[in-house]
Amino acid sequence: MDTDLVVTAAVRIPVDELRWRFSRSSGPGGQGVNTTDSRVELGWDAPASVALHGLGDGVRERALERLAARSVDGVVTIAASQFRSQLRNRDAARARLAALVREAVAPPPAARRRTRPTRGSQLRRLEGKKRRSQVKRLRRGEE
């Protein structure tokens, strides 16, 4: 837990930027759930982080824009309580934060190239429309 969070080869979040909070979980655990603080909240201040400063300005701005929906005042918070042990919840929170940041710094997908429908697909569509109108015409008693 004392190591930096490696997101990609270019993005590494220093361990001192991660803020941890622990509380009682509502999940499984029997009597232990009432006494142990196994729920984990991991906070990371994205705009103030040095992890994103090494990237280009365009990549940094895109990442902050993508993370804006998951942050309050720039702090991204991840809560993990699916496991009974605090250690496993800490690992899960770190993994989820890494995946979230990895997705945020990823380049945008390539633009879709529009293509024309094939002649066969156009004919099949028109045949289906003709069949449907024929069914409706027969229901009315016309021919």
C-alpha atoms as a PDB file:
ATOM      1  CA  MET A   1       0.000   0.000   0.000  1.00  0.00           C
ATOM      2  CA  ASP A   2       3.013   2.289   0.355  1.00  0.00           C
ATOM      3  CA  THR A   3       3.699   2.329  -3.379  1.00  0.00           C
ATOM      4  CA  ASP A   4       2.582   4.736  -6.066  1.00  0.00           C
ATOM      5  CA  LEU A   5      -0.534   3.821  -8.021  1.00  0.00           C
ATOM      6  CA  VAL A   6       0.586   2.881 -11.525  1.00  0.00           C
ATOM      7  CA  VAL A   7      -2.159   3.764 -14.018  1.00  0.00           C
ATOM      8  CA  THR A   8      -0.249   3.644 -17.308  1.00  0.00           C
ATOM      9  CA  ALA A   9       3.412   3.864 -18.265  1.00  0.00           C
ATOM     10  CA  ALA A  10       3.073   7.657 -18.380  1.00  0.00           C
ATOM     11  CA  VAL A  11       0.688   8.180 -15.436  1.00  0.00           C
ATOM     12  CA  ARG A  12       1.725   7.319 -11.880  1.00  0.00           C
ATOM     13  CA  ILE A  13      -0.225   8.713  -8.911  1.00  0.00           C
ATOM     14  CA  PRO A  14       2.043   9.324  -5.890  1.00  0.00           C
ATOM     15  CA  VAL A  15       0.896   7.551  -2.738  1.00  0.00           C
ATOM     16  CA  ASP A  16       0.890  10.801  -0.737  1.00  0.00           C
ATOM     17  CA  GLU A  17      -1.858  12.207  -3.021  1.00  0.00           C
ATOM     18  CA  LEU A  18      -4.274   9.436  -2.071  1.00  0.00           C
ATOM     19  CA  ARG A  19      -6.626  10.183   0.847  1.00  0.00           C
ATOM     20  CA  TRP A  20      -8.129   7.233   2.710  1.00  0.00           C
ATOM     21  CA  ARG A  21     -11.224   7.132   4.925  1.00  0.00           C
ATOM     22  CA  PHE A  22     -12.561   4.069   6.673  1.00  0.00           C
ATOM     23  CA  SER A  23     -16.003   3.354   8.068  1.00  0.00           C
ATOM     24  CA  ARG A  24     -18.254   0.452   8.975  1.00  0.00           C
ATOM     25  CA  SER A  25     -19.540  -1.489   6.036  1.00  0.00           C
ATOM     26  CA  SER A  26     -23.132  -2.579   5.586  1.00  0.00           C
ATOM     27  CA  GLY A  27     -22.175  -5.724   3.702  1.00  0.00           C
ATOM     28  CA  PRO A  28     -21.636  -9.318   4.808  1.00  0.00           C
ATOM     29  CA  GLY A  29     -19.543 -10.190   7.824  1.00  0.00           C
ATOM     30  CA  GLY A  30     -21.832 -11.259  10.634  1.00  0.00           C
ATOM     31  CA  GLN A  31     -20.982  -9.824  14.021  1.00  0.00           C
ATOM     32  CA  GLY A  32     -17.665  -8.498  12.729  1.00  0.00           C
ATOM     33  CA  VAL A  33     -19.428  -6.002  10.489  1.00  0.00           C
ATOM     34  CA  ASN A  34     -20.492  -4.061  13.588  1.00  0.00           C
ATOM     35  CA  THR A  35     -16.979  -3.673  14.944  1.00  0.00           C
ATOM     36  CA  THR A  36     -14.556  -3.364  12.014  1.00  0.00           C
ATOM     37  CA  ASP A  37     -14.064  -0.413   9.696  1.00  0.00           C
ATOM     38  CA  SER A  38     -13.891  -2.401   6.459  1.00  0.00           C
ATOM     39  CA  ARG A  39     -15.550   0.126   4.126  1.00  0.00           C
ATOM     40  CA  VAL A  40     -12.967   2.180   2.253  1.00  0.00           C
ATOM     41  CA  GLU A  41     -13.234   5.583   0.579  1.00  0.00           C
ATOM     42  CA  LEU A  42     -10.340   6.623  -1.609  1.00  0.00           C
ATOM     43  CA  GLY A  43     -10.076  10.294  -2.571  1.00  0.00           C
ATOM     44  CA  TRP A  44      -7.763  11.842  -5.158  1.00  0.00           C
ATOM     45  CA  ASP A  45      -7.529  15.538  -6.050  1.00  0.00           C
ATOM     46  CA  ALA A  46      -7.152  15.297  -9.836  1.00  0.00           C
ATOM     47  CA  PRO A  47      -6.550  18.986 -10.762  1.00  0.00           C
ATOM     48  CA  ALA A  48      -3.842  19.397  -8.126  1.00  0.00           C
ATOM     49  CA  SER A  49      -2.149  16.085  -8.922  1.00  0.00           C
ATOM     50  CA  VAL A  50       1.358  15.937 -10.341  1.00  0.00           C
ATOM     51  CA  ALA A  51       0.414  12.681 -12.091  1.00  0.00           C
ATOM     52  CA  LEU A  52      -1.471  14.542 -14.826  1.00  0.00           C
ATOM     53  CA  HIS A  53       1.024  17.401 -15.182  1.00  0.00           C
ATOM     54  CA  GLY A  54       3.503  15.244 -17.090  1.00  0.00           C
ATOM     55  CA  LEU A  55       0.974  14.746 -19.868  1.00  0.00           C
ATOM     56  CA  GLY A  56       0.339  17.226 -22.645  1.00  0.00           C
ATOM     57  CA  ASP A  57      -2.146  20.019 -22.002  1.00  0.00           C
ATOM     58  CA  GLY A  58      -4.728  18.500 -24.357  1.00  0.00           C
ATOM     59  CA  VAL A  59      -4.568  15.101 -22.685  1.00  0.00           C
ATOM     60  CA  ARG A  60      -4.696  16.642 -19.207  1.00  0.00           C
ATOM     61  CA  GLU A  61      -7.727  18.801 -20.057  1.00  0.00           C
ATOM     62  CA  ARG A  62      -9.527  15.827 -21.635  1.00  0.00           C
ATOM     63  CA  ALA A  63      -8.824  13.687 -18.578  1.00  0.00           C
ATOM     64  CA  LEU A  64     -10.095  16.347 -16.160  1.00  0.00           C
ATOM     65  CA  GLU A  65     -13.197  16.837 -18.299  1.00  0.00           C
ATOM     66  CA  ARG A  66     -13.930  13.095 -18.303  1.00  0.00           C
ATOM     67  CA  LEU A  67     -13.369  12.849 -14.542  1.00  0.00           C
ATOM     68  CA  ALA A  68     -15.576  15.879 -13.798  1.00  0.00           C
ATOM     69  CA  ALA A  69     -18.744  13.764 -13.558  1.00  0.00           C
ATOM     70  CA  ARG A  70     -17.138  11.567 -10.871  1.00  0.00           C
ATOM     71  CA  SER A  71     -15.656  14.394  -8.816  1.00  0.00           C
ATOM     72  CA  VAL A  72     -16.776  16.973  -6.288  1.00  0.00           C
ATOM     73  CA  ASP A  73     -14.616  20.129  -6.344  1.00  0.00           C
ATOM     74  CA  GLY A  74     -12.042  18.165  -8.353  1.00  0.00           C
ATOM     75  CA  VAL A  75     -11.728  15.334  -5.816  1.00  0.00           C
ATOM     76  CA  VAL A  76     -12.522  11.927  -7.298  1.00  0.00           C
ATOM     77  CA  THR A  77     -13.916   9.571  -4.640  1.00  0.00           C
ATOM     78  CA  ILE A  78     -14.112   5.791  -4.916  1.00  0.00           C
ATOM     79  CA  ALA A  79     -15.981   3.759  -2.278  1.00  0.00           C
ATOM     80  CA  ALA A  80     -15.383   0.027  -1.871  1.00  0.00           C
ATOM     81  CA  SER A  81     -17.208  -2.232   0.552  1.00  0.00           C
ATOM     82  CA  GLN A  82     -17.761  -5.474  -1.339  1.00  0.00           C
ATOM     83  CA  PHE A  83     -15.255  -7.484   0.715  1.00  0.00           C
ATOM     84  CA  ARG A  84     -15.157  -8.303   4.420  1.00  0.00           C
ATOM     85  CA  SER A  85     -11.563  -7.250   4.862  1.00  0.00           C
ATOM     86  CA  GLN A  86     -10.329  -3.673   4.747  1.00  0.00           C
ATOM     87  CA  LEU A  87      -7.173  -4.712   2.892  1.00  0.00           C
ATOM     88  CA  ARG A  88      -9.121  -6.284   0.027  1.00  0.00           C
ATOM     89  CA  ASN A  89     -11.394  -3.225  -0.155  1.00  0.00           C
ATOM     90  CA  ARG A  90      -8.312  -0.990  -0.318  1.00  0.00           C
ATOM     91  CA  ASP A  91      -6.956  -3.054  -3.203  1.00  0.00           C
ATOM     92  CA  ALA A  92     -10.327  -2.902  -4.960  1.00  0.00           C
ATOM     93  CA  ALA A  93     -10.532   0.892  -4.540  1.00  0.00           C
ATOM     94  CA  ARG A  94      -7.000   1.342  -5.918  1.00  0.00           C
ATOM     95  CA  ALA A  95      -7.802  -0.881  -8.908  1.00  0.00           C
ATOM     96  CA  ARG A  96     -11.050   0.999  -9.637  1.00  0.00           C
ATOM     97  CA  LEU A  97      -9.323   4.388  -9.427  1.00  0.00           C
ATOM     98  CA  ALA A  98      -6.563   3.178 -11.766  1.00  0.00           C
ATOM     99  CA  ALA A  99      -9.145   1.905 -14.268  1.00  0.00           C
ATOM    100  CA  LEU A 100     -11.094   5.176 -14.068  1.00  0.00           C
ATOM    101  CA  VAL A 101      -7.998   7.321 -14.679  1.00  0.00           C
ATOM    102  CA  ARG A 102      -6.755   4.950 -17.414  1.00  0.00           C
ATOM    103  CA  GLU A 103     -10.072   5.402 -19.223  1.00  0.00           C
ATOM    104  CA  ALA A 104      -9.939   9.186 -18.726  1.00  0.00           C
ATOM    105  CA  VAL A 105      -6.464   9.608 -20.261  1.00  0.00           C
ATOM    106  CA  ALA A 106      -7.154   7.233 -23.170  1.00  0.00           C
ATOM    107  CA  PRO A 107      -7.293   8.867 -26.594  1.00  0.00           C
ATOM    108  CA  PRO A 108     -10.758   9.427 -28.052  1.00  0.00           C
ATOM    109  CA  PRO A 109     -12.033   6.675 -30.350  1.00  0.00           C
ATOM    110  CA  ALA A 110     -11.522   7.068 -34.074  1.00  0.00           C
ATOM    111  CA  ALA A 111     -14.337   8.853 -35.880  1.00  0.00           C
ATOM    112  CA  ARG A 112     -16.843   6.566 -37.533  1.00  0.00           C
ATOM    113  CA  ARG A 113     -16.602   6.468 -41.314  1.00  0.00           C
ATOM    114  CA  ARG A 114     -20.082   6.517 -42.768  1.00  0.00           C
ATOM    115  CA  THR A 115     -20.757   3.914 -45.448  1.00  0.00           C
ATOM    116  CA  ARG A 116     -23.679   3.427 -47.778  1.00  0.00           C
ATOM    117  CA  PRO A 117     -26.018   0.472 -47.265  1.00  0.00           C
ATOM    118  CA  THR A 118     -25.369  -2.358 -49.694  1.00  0.00           C
ATOM    119  CA  ARG A 119     -27.760  -2.925 -52.558  1.00  0.00           C
ATOM    120  CA  GLY A 120     -28.776  -6.269 -51.063  1.00  0.00           C
ATOM    121  CA  SER A 121     -29.644  -4.733 -47.692  1.00  0.00           C
ATOM    122  CA  GLN A 122     -31.694  -2.021 -49.402  1.00  0.00           C
ATOM    123  CA  LEU A 123     -33.631  -4.648 -51.399  1.00  0.00           C
ATOM    124  CA  ARG A 124     -34.240  -6.775 -48.282  1.00  0.00           C
ATOM    125  CA  ARG A 125     -35.569  -3.719 -46.443  1.00  0.00           C
ATOM    126  CA  LEU A 126     -37.947  -2.852 -49.287  1.00  0.00           C
ATOM    127  CA  GLU A 127     -39.136  -6.475 -49.591  1.00  0.00           C
ATOM    128  CA  GLY A 128     -39.893  -6.518 -45.870  1.00  0.00           C
ATOM    129  CA  LYS A 129     -41.925  -3.324 -46.220  1.00  0.00           C
ATOM    130  CA  LYS A 130     -43.856  -4.818 -49.145  1.00  0.00           C
ATOM    131  CA  ARG A 131     -44.607  -7.992 -47.162  1.00  0.00           C
ATOM    132  CA  ARG A 132     -45.814  -5.971 -44.198  1.00  0.00           C
ATOM    133  CA  SER A 133     -48.089  -3.788 -46.326  1.00  0.00           C
ATOM    134  CA  GLN A 134     -49.457  -6.935 -48.021  1.00  0.00           C
ATOM    135  CA  VAL A 135     -50.342  -8.404 -44.594  1.00  0.00           C
ATOM    136  CA  LYS A 136     -52.144  -5.222 -43.593  1.00  0.00           C
ATOM    137  CA  ARG A 137     -53.956  -5.001 -46.936  1.00  0.00           C
ATOM    138  CA  LEU A 138     -55.197  -8.599 -46.547  1.00  0.00           C
ATOM    139  CA  ARG A 139     -56.515  -7.818 -43.062  1.00  0.00           C
ATOM    140  CA  ARG A 140     -58.688  -5.044 -44.505  1.00  0.00           C
ATOM    141  CA  GLY A 141     -60.130  -7.446 -47.061  1.00  0.00           C
ATOM    142  CA  GLU A 142     -58.634  -5.705 -50.075  1.00  0.00           C
ATOM    143  CA  GLU A 143     -56.676  -7.415 -52.798  1.00  0.00           C
END
